[in-house]
């Protein structure tokens, strides 16, 4: 997991769930990272986006294409 780097910031939980499903279906290695923080009761998440997806550099472009397609 040490070779995973941030790919793109996700806008909301629905987008994150859909992306996770598509990437799992395509067997693309990834990790979803939520920005939710209980101490701030989600304030950071509301301002900065739901979170981000991390993956090996090799997969970054394909993941970005999937995200852009989901956002259309």
PDB file of N, CA and C in Angstrom:
ATOM      1  N   UNK A   1       0.803  -1.196   0.000  1.00  0.00           N
ATOM      2  CA  UNK A   1       0.000   0.000   0.000  1.00  0.00           C
ATOM      3  C   UNK A   1       0.849   1.265   0.000  1.00  0.00           C
ATOM      4  N   UNK A   2       2.136   1.127   0.210  1.00  0.00           N
ATOM      5  CA  UNK A   2       2.991   2.310   0.272  1.00  0.00           C
ATOM      6  C   UNK A   2       3.176   2.982  -1.090  1.00  0.00           C
ATOM      7  N   UNK A   3       2.885   2.262  -2.183  1.00  0.00           N
ATOM      8  CA  UNK A   3       3.027   2.864  -3.510  1.00  0.00           C
ATOM      9  C   UNK A   3       1.722   3.490  -4.004  1.00  0.00           C
ATOM     10  N   UNK A   4       0.719   3.557  -3.136  1.00  0.00           N
ATOM     11  CA  UNK A   4      -0.548   4.194  -3.486  1.00  0.00           C
ATOM     12  C   UNK A   4      -0.430   5.702  -3.272  1.00  0.00           C
ATOM     13  N   UNK A   5      -0.886   6.477  -4.248  1.00  0.00           N
ATOM     14  CA  UNK A   5      -0.876   7.935  -4.134  1.00  0.00           C
ATOM     15  C   UNK A   5      -2.257   8.468  -4.470  1.00  0.00           C
ATOM     16  N   UNK A   6      -2.526   9.681  -4.048  1.00  0.00           N
ATOM     17  CA  UNK A   6      -3.824  10.325  -4.243  1.00  0.00           C
ATOM     18  C   UNK A   6      -4.096  10.523  -5.735  1.00  0.00           C
ATOM     19  N   UNK A   7      -5.282  10.099  -6.172  1.00  0.00           N
ATOM     20  CA  UNK A   7      -5.658  10.214  -7.576  1.00  0.00           C
ATOM     21  C   UNK A   7      -6.546  11.439  -7.793  1.00  0.00           C
ATOM     22  N   UNK A   8      -7.666  11.505  -7.059  1.00  0.00           N
ATOM     23  CA  UNK A   8      -8.639  12.575  -7.283  1.00  0.00           C
ATOM     24  C   UNK A   8      -9.529  12.721  -6.050  1.00  0.00           C
ATOM     25  N   UNK A   9      -9.977  13.950  -5.796  1.00  0.00           N
ATOM     26  CA  UNK A   9     -10.899  14.223  -4.692  1.00  0.00           C
ATOM     27  C   UNK A   9     -12.313  13.903  -5.164  1.00  0.00           C
ATOM     28  N   UNK A  10     -13.059  13.224  -4.311  1.00  0.00           N
ATOM     29  CA  UNK A  10     -14.428  12.831  -4.636  1.00  0.00           C
ATOM     30  C   UNK A  10     -15.416  13.814  -4.012  1.00  0.00           C
ATOM     31  N   UNK A  11     -16.508  14.072  -4.713  1.00  0.00           N
ATOM     32  CA  UNK A  11     -17.445  15.110  -4.299  1.00  0.00           C
ATOM     33  C   UNK A  11     -18.394  14.698  -3.181  1.00  0.00           C
ATOM     34  N   UNK A  12     -18.835  13.427  -3.190  1.00  0.00           N
ATOM     35  CA  UNK A  12     -19.808  13.007  -2.189  1.00  0.00           C
ATOM     36  C   UNK A  12     -19.772  11.493  -2.011  1.00  0.00           C
ATOM     37  N   UNK A  13     -20.552  11.016  -1.054  1.00  0.00           N
ATOM     38  CA  UNK A  13     -20.556   9.590  -0.723  1.00  0.00           C
ATOM     39  C   UNK A  13     -21.124   8.737  -1.855  1.00  0.00           C
ATOM     40  N   UNK A  14     -22.092   9.250  -2.581  1.00  0.00           N
ATOM     41  CA  UNK A  14     -22.678   8.505  -3.696  1.00  0.00           C
ATOM     42  C   UNK A  14     -21.638   8.281  -4.785  1.00  0.00           C
ATOM     43  N   UNK A  15     -20.908   9.334  -5.116  1.00  0.00           N
ATOM     44  CA  UNK A  15     -19.843   9.210  -6.114  1.00  0.00           C
ATOM     45  C   UNK A  15     -18.787   8.212  -5.641  1.00  0.00           C
ATOM     46  N   UNK A  16     -18.441   8.263  -4.365  1.00  0.00           N
ATOM     47  CA  UNK A  16     -17.439   7.351  -3.811  1.00  0.00           C
ATOM     48  C   UNK A  16     -17.912   5.900  -3.877  1.00  0.00           C
ATOM     49  N   UNK A  17     -19.175   5.675  -3.550  1.00  0.00           N
ATOM     50  CA  UNK A  17     -19.719   4.315  -3.579  1.00  0.00           C
ATOM     51  C   UNK A  17     -19.769   3.767  -4.998  1.00  0.00           C
ATOM     52  N   UNK A  18     -20.226   4.587  -5.941  1.00  0.00           N
ATOM     53  CA  UNK A  18     -20.267   4.157  -7.343  1.00  0.00           C
ATOM     54  C   UNK A  18     -18.873   3.863  -7.883  1.00  0.00           C
ATOM     55  N   UNK A  19     -17.938   4.760  -7.590  1.00  0.00           N
ATOM     56  CA  UNK A  19     -16.562   4.569  -8.053  1.00  0.00           C
ATOM     57  C   UNK A  19     -15.966   3.300  -7.480  1.00  0.00           C
ATOM     58  N   UNK A  20     -16.164   3.082  -6.192  1.00  0.00           N
ATOM     59  CA  UNK A  20     -15.643   1.875  -5.543  1.00  0.00           C
ATOM     60  C   UNK A  20     -16.191   0.625  -6.226  1.00  0.00           C
ATOM     61  N   UNK A  21     -17.476   0.645  -6.545  1.00  0.00           N
ATOM     62  CA  UNK A  21     -18.108  -0.491  -7.205  1.00  0.00           C
ATOM     63  C   UNK A  21     -17.513  -0.748  -8.588  1.00  0.00           C
ATOM     64  N   UNK A  22     -17.357   0.309  -9.380  1.00  0.00           N
ATOM     65  CA  UNK A  22     -16.806   0.171 -10.735  1.00  0.00           C
ATOM     66  C   UNK A  22     -15.357  -0.321 -10.677  1.00  0.00           C
ATOM     67  N   UNK A  23     -14.564   0.251  -9.786  1.00  0.00           N
ATOM     68  CA  UNK A  23     -13.155  -0.154  -9.697  1.00  0.00           C
ATOM     69  C   UNK A  23     -13.016  -1.593  -9.221  1.00  0.00           C
ATOM     70  N   UNK A  24     -13.868  -2.009  -8.291  1.00  0.00           N
ATOM     71  CA  UNK A  24     -13.854  -3.414  -7.857  1.00  0.00           C
ATOM     72  C   UNK A  24     -14.236  -4.340  -9.001  1.00  0.00           C
ATOM     73  N   UNK A  25     -15.249  -3.930  -9.772  1.00  0.00           N
ATOM     74  CA  UNK A  25     -15.710  -4.726 -10.916  1.00  0.00           C
ATOM     75  C   UNK A  25     -14.594  -4.896 -11.947  1.00  0.00           C
ATOM     76  N   UNK A  26     -13.812  -3.846 -12.163  1.00  0.00           N
ATOM     77  CA  UNK A  26     -12.708  -3.884 -13.132  1.00  0.00           C
ATOM     78  C   UNK A  26     -11.411  -4.424 -12.522  1.00  0.00           C
ATOM     79  N   UNK A  27     -11.460  -4.771 -11.254  1.00  0.00           N
ATOM     80  CA  UNK A  27     -10.305  -5.307 -10.511  1.00  0.00           C
ATOM     81  C   UNK A  27      -9.127  -4.335 -10.538  1.00  0.00           C
ATOM     82  N   UNK A  28      -9.430  -3.053 -10.335  1.00  0.00           N
ATOM     83  CA  UNK A  28      -8.399  -2.019 -10.260  1.00  0.00           C
ATOM     84  C   UNK A  28      -8.072  -1.796  -8.793  1.00  0.00           C
ATOM     85  N   UNK A  29      -6.819  -1.954  -8.405  1.00  0.00           N
ATOM     86  CA  UNK A  29      -6.448  -1.764  -6.995  1.00  0.00           C
ATOM     87  C   UNK A  29      -6.625  -0.301  -6.583  1.00  0.00           C
ATOM     88  N   UNK A  30      -7.262  -0.085  -5.430  1.00  0.00           N
ATOM     89  CA  UNK A  30      -7.519   1.277  -4.959  1.00  0.00           C
ATOM     90  C   UNK A  30      -7.867   1.268  -3.475  1.00  0.00           C
ATOM     91  N   UNK A  31      -7.837   2.440  -2.887  1.00  0.00           N
ATOM     92  CA  UNK A  31      -8.275   2.638  -1.505  1.00  0.00           C
ATOM     93  C   UNK A  31      -9.079   3.933  -1.453  1.00  0.00           C
ATOM     94  N   UNK A  32     -10.204   3.893  -0.762  1.00  0.00           N
ATOM     95  CA  UNK A  32     -11.033   5.076  -0.583  1.00  0.00           C
ATOM     96  C   UNK A  32     -10.691   5.697   0.775  1.00  0.00           C
ATOM     97  N   UNK A  33     -10.515   7.015   0.799  1.00  0.00           N
ATOM     98  CA  UNK A  33     -10.181   7.732   2.031  1.00  0.00           C
ATOM     99  C   UNK A  33     -11.223   8.822   2.278  1.00  0.00           C
ATOM    100  N   UNK A  34     -11.965   8.688   3.362  1.00  0.00           N
ATOM    101  CA  UNK A  34     -12.974   9.687   3.717  1.00  0.00           C
ATOM    102  C   UNK A  34     -12.322  10.800   4.531  1.00  0.00           C
ATOM    103  N   UNK A  35     -12.772  12.032   4.326  1.00  0.00           N
ATOM    104  CA  UNK A  35     -12.279  13.172   5.091  1.00  0.00           C
ATOM    105  C   UNK A  35     -13.120  13.422   6.344  1.00  0.00           C
ATOM    106  N   UNK A  36     -14.089  12.556   6.632  1.00  0.00           N
ATOM    107  CA  UNK A  36     -14.950  12.773   7.787  1.00  0.00           C
ATOM    108  C   UNK A  36     -14.128  12.728   9.075  1.00  0.00           C
ATOM    109  N   UNK A  37     -14.377  13.683   9.948  1.00  0.00           N
ATOM    110  CA  UNK A  37     -13.686  13.760  11.234  1.00  0.00           C
ATOM    111  C   UNK A  37     -14.727  13.991  12.317  1.00  0.00           C
ATOM    112  N   UNK A  38     -14.835  13.071  13.254  1.00  0.00           N
ATOM    113  CA  UNK A  38     -15.846  13.195  14.302  1.00  0.00           C
ATOM    114  C   UNK A  38     -15.617  14.413  15.186  1.00  0.00           C
ATOM    115  N   UNK A  39     -14.379  14.815  15.358  1.00  0.00           N
ATOM    116  CA  UNK A  39     -14.093  15.979  16.205  1.00  0.00           C
ATOM    117  C   UNK A  39     -14.694  17.256  15.623  1.00  0.00           C
ATOM    118  N   UNK A  40     -14.719  17.353  14.314  1.00  0.00           N
ATOM    119  CA  UNK A  40     -15.278  18.538  13.655  1.00  0.00           C
ATOM    120  C   UNK A  40     -16.672  18.265  13.091  1.00  0.00           C
ATOM    121  N   UNK A  41     -17.221  17.094  13.384  1.00  0.00           N
ATOM    122  CA  UNK A  41     -18.558  16.696  12.954  1.00  0.00           C
ATOM    123  C   UNK A  41     -18.773  16.873  11.459  1.00  0.00           C
ATOM    124  N   UNK A  42     -17.789  16.498  10.652  1.00  0.00           N
ATOM    125  CA  UNK A  42     -17.926  16.518   9.202  1.00  0.00           C
ATOM    126  C   UNK A  42     -17.707  17.871   8.556  1.00  0.00           C
ATOM    127  N   UNK A  43     -17.300  18.878   9.327  1.00  0.00           N
ATOM    128  CA  UNK A  43     -17.115  20.224   8.784  1.00  0.00           C
ATOM    129  C   UNK A  43     -16.071  20.235   7.667  1.00  0.00           C
ATOM    130  N   UNK A  44     -14.935  19.581   7.889  1.00  0.00           N
ATOM    131  CA  UNK A  44     -13.875  19.539   6.879  1.00  0.00           C
ATOM    132  C   UNK A  44     -14.386  18.861   5.612  1.00  0.00           C
ATOM    133  N   UNK A  45     -15.128  17.778   5.795  1.00  0.00           N
ATOM    134  CA  UNK A  45     -15.650  17.022   4.658  1.00  0.00           C
ATOM    135  C   UNK A  45     -16.630  17.871   3.846  1.00  0.00           C
ATOM    136  N   UNK A  46     -17.435  18.662   4.508  1.00  0.00           N
ATOM    137  CA  UNK A  46     -18.401  19.510   3.810  1.00  0.00           C
ATOM    138  C   UNK A  46     -17.703  20.590   2.975  1.00  0.00           C
ATOM    139  N   UNK A  47     -16.531  21.021   3.404  1.00  0.00           N
ATOM    140  CA  UNK A  47     -15.814  22.081   2.706  1.00  0.00           C
ATOM    141  C   UNK A  47     -14.841  21.563   1.652  1.00  0.00           C
ATOM    142  N   UNK A  48     -14.241  20.424   1.877  1.00  0.00           N
ATOM    143  CA  UNK A  48     -13.156  19.939   1.016  1.00  0.00           C
ATOM    144  C   UNK A  48     -13.527  18.759   0.130  1.00  0.00           C
ATOM    145  N   UNK A  49     -14.745  18.247   0.242  1.00  0.00           N
ATOM    146  CA  UNK A  49     -15.137  17.076  -0.535  1.00  0.00           C
ATOM    147  C   UNK A  49     -15.246  15.853   0.349  1.00  0.00           C
ATOM    148  N   UNK A  50     -15.860  14.816  -0.161  1.00  0.00           N
ATOM    149  CA  UNK A  50     -16.092  13.607   0.626  1.00  0.00           C
ATOM    150  C   UNK A  50     -14.783  12.959   1.072  1.00  0.00           C
ATOM    151  N   UNK A  51     -13.826  12.934   0.182  1.00  0.00           N
ATOM    152  CA  UNK A  51     -12.546  12.267   0.436  1.00  0.00           C
ATOM    153  C   UNK A  51     -11.817  12.092  -0.886  1.00  0.00           C
ATOM    154  N   UNK A  52     -10.925  11.111  -0.937  1.00  0.00           N
ATOM    155  CA  UNK A  52     -10.217  10.871  -2.191  1.00  0.00           C
ATOM    156  C   UNK A  52      -9.971   9.382  -2.385  1.00  0.00           C
ATOM    157  N   UNK A  53      -9.596   9.045  -3.599  1.00  0.00           N
ATOM    158  CA  UNK A  53      -9.225   7.679  -3.928  1.00  0.00           C
ATOM    159  C   UNK A  53      -7.716   7.654  -4.174  1.00  0.00           C
ATOM    160  N   UNK A  54      -7.074   6.617  -3.653  1.00  0.00           N
ATOM    161  CA  UNK A  54      -5.638   6.407  -3.861  1.00  0.00           C
ATOM    162  C   UNK A  54      -5.433   5.111  -4.640  1.00  0.00           C
ATOM    163  N   UNK A  55      -4.373   5.089  -5.439  1.00  0.00           N
ATOM    164  CA  UNK A  55      -4.065   3.905  -6.238  1.00  0.00           C
ATOM    165  C   UNK A  55      -2.620   3.992  -6.717  1.00  0.00           C
ATOM    166  N   UNK A  56      -2.069   2.885  -7.207  1.00  0.00           N
ATOM    167  CA  UNK A  56      -0.749   2.942  -7.818  1.00  0.00           C
ATOM    168  C   UNK A  56      -0.778   3.875  -9.037  1.00  0.00           C
ATOM    169  N   UNK A  57       0.308   4.551  -9.316  1.00  0.00           N
ATOM    170  CA  UNK A  57       0.397   5.535 -10.398  1.00  0.00           C
ATOM    171  C   UNK A  57      -0.046   4.945 -11.737  1.00  0.00           C
ATOM    172  N   UNK A  58       0.242   3.702 -11.977  1.00  0.00           N
ATOM    173  CA  UNK A  58      -0.119   3.039 -13.228  1.00  0.00           C
ATOM    174  C   UNK A  58      -1.612   3.166 -13.537  1.00  0.00           C
ATOM    175  N   UNK A  59      -2.457   3.194 -12.507  1.00  0.00           N
ATOM    176  CA  UNK A  59      -3.909   3.193 -12.675  1.00  0.00           C
ATOM    177  C   UNK A  59      -4.542   4.583 -12.637  1.00  0.00           C
ATOM    178  N   UNK A  60      -3.795   5.633 -12.361  1.00  0.00           N
ATOM    179  CA  UNK A  60      -4.356   6.967 -12.171  1.00  0.00           C
ATOM    180  C   UNK A  60      -5.212   7.441 -13.344  1.00  0.00           C
ATOM    181  N   UNK A  61      -4.736   7.342 -14.547  1.00  0.00           N
ATOM    182  CA  UNK A  61      -5.476   7.855 -15.701  1.00  0.00           C
ATOM    183  C   UNK A  61      -6.791   7.111 -15.908  1.00  0.00           C
ATOM    184  N   UNK A  62      -6.772   5.798 -15.762  1.00  0.00           N
ATOM    185  CA  UNK A  62      -8.008   5.024 -15.940  1.00  0.00           C
ATOM    186  C   UNK A  62      -9.029   5.384 -14.862  1.00  0.00           C
ATOM    187  N   UNK A  63      -8.577   5.574 -13.637  1.00  0.00           N
ATOM    188  CA  UNK A  63      -9.483   5.947 -12.550  1.00  0.00           C
ATOM    189  C   UNK A  63     -10.072   7.335 -12.800  1.00  0.00           C
ATOM    190  N   UNK A  64      -9.252   8.272 -13.249  1.00  0.00           N
ATOM    191  CA  UNK A  64      -9.758   9.614 -13.557  1.00  0.00           C
ATOM    192  C   UNK A  64     -10.807   9.562 -14.656  1.00  0.00           C
ATOM    193  N   UNK A  65     -10.599   8.733 -15.674  1.00  0.00           N
ATOM    194  CA  UNK A  65     -11.581   8.584 -16.751  1.00  0.00           C
ATOM    195  C   UNK A  65     -12.907   8.072 -16.206  1.00  0.00           C
ATOM    196  N   UNK A  66     -12.848   7.094 -15.302  1.00  0.00           N
ATOM    197  CA  UNK A  66     -14.064   6.554 -14.693  1.00  0.00           C
ATOM    198  C   UNK A  66     -14.786   7.643 -13.909  1.00  0.00           C
ATOM    199  N   UNK A  67     -14.057   8.413 -13.119  1.00  0.00           N
ATOM    200  CA  UNK A  67     -14.659   9.493 -12.337  1.00  0.00           C
ATOM    201  C   UNK A  67     -15.316  10.514 -13.245  1.00  0.00           C
ATOM    202  N   UNK A  68     -14.638  10.930 -14.280  1.00  0.00           N
ATOM    203  CA  UNK A  68     -15.188  11.931 -15.202  1.00  0.00           C
ATOM    204  C   UNK A  68     -16.443  11.392 -15.893  1.00  0.00           C
ATOM    205  N   UNK A  69     -16.461  10.092 -16.244  1.00  0.00           N
ATOM    206  CA  UNK A  69     -17.646   9.484 -16.837  1.00  0.00           C
ATOM    207  C   UNK A  69     -18.810   9.456 -15.849  1.00  0.00           C
ATOM    208  N   UNK A  70     -18.523   9.169 -14.585  1.00  0.00           N
ATOM    209  CA  UNK A  70     -19.574   9.153 -13.549  1.00  0.00           C
ATOM    210  C   UNK A  70     -20.164  10.551 -13.346  1.00  0.00           C
ATOM    211  N   UNK A  71     -19.352  11.567 -13.495  1.00  0.00           N
ATOM    212  CA  UNK A  71     -19.796  12.944 -13.266  1.00  0.00           C
ATOM    213  C   UNK A  71     -20.607  13.515 -14.422  1.00  0.00           C
ATOM    214  N   UNK A  72     -20.588  12.873 -15.571  1.00  0.00           N
ATOM    215  CA  UNK A  72     -21.320  13.384 -16.745  1.00  0.00           C
ATOM    216  C   UNK A  72     -22.813  13.297 -16.556  1.00  0.00           C
TER     217      UNK A  72
END
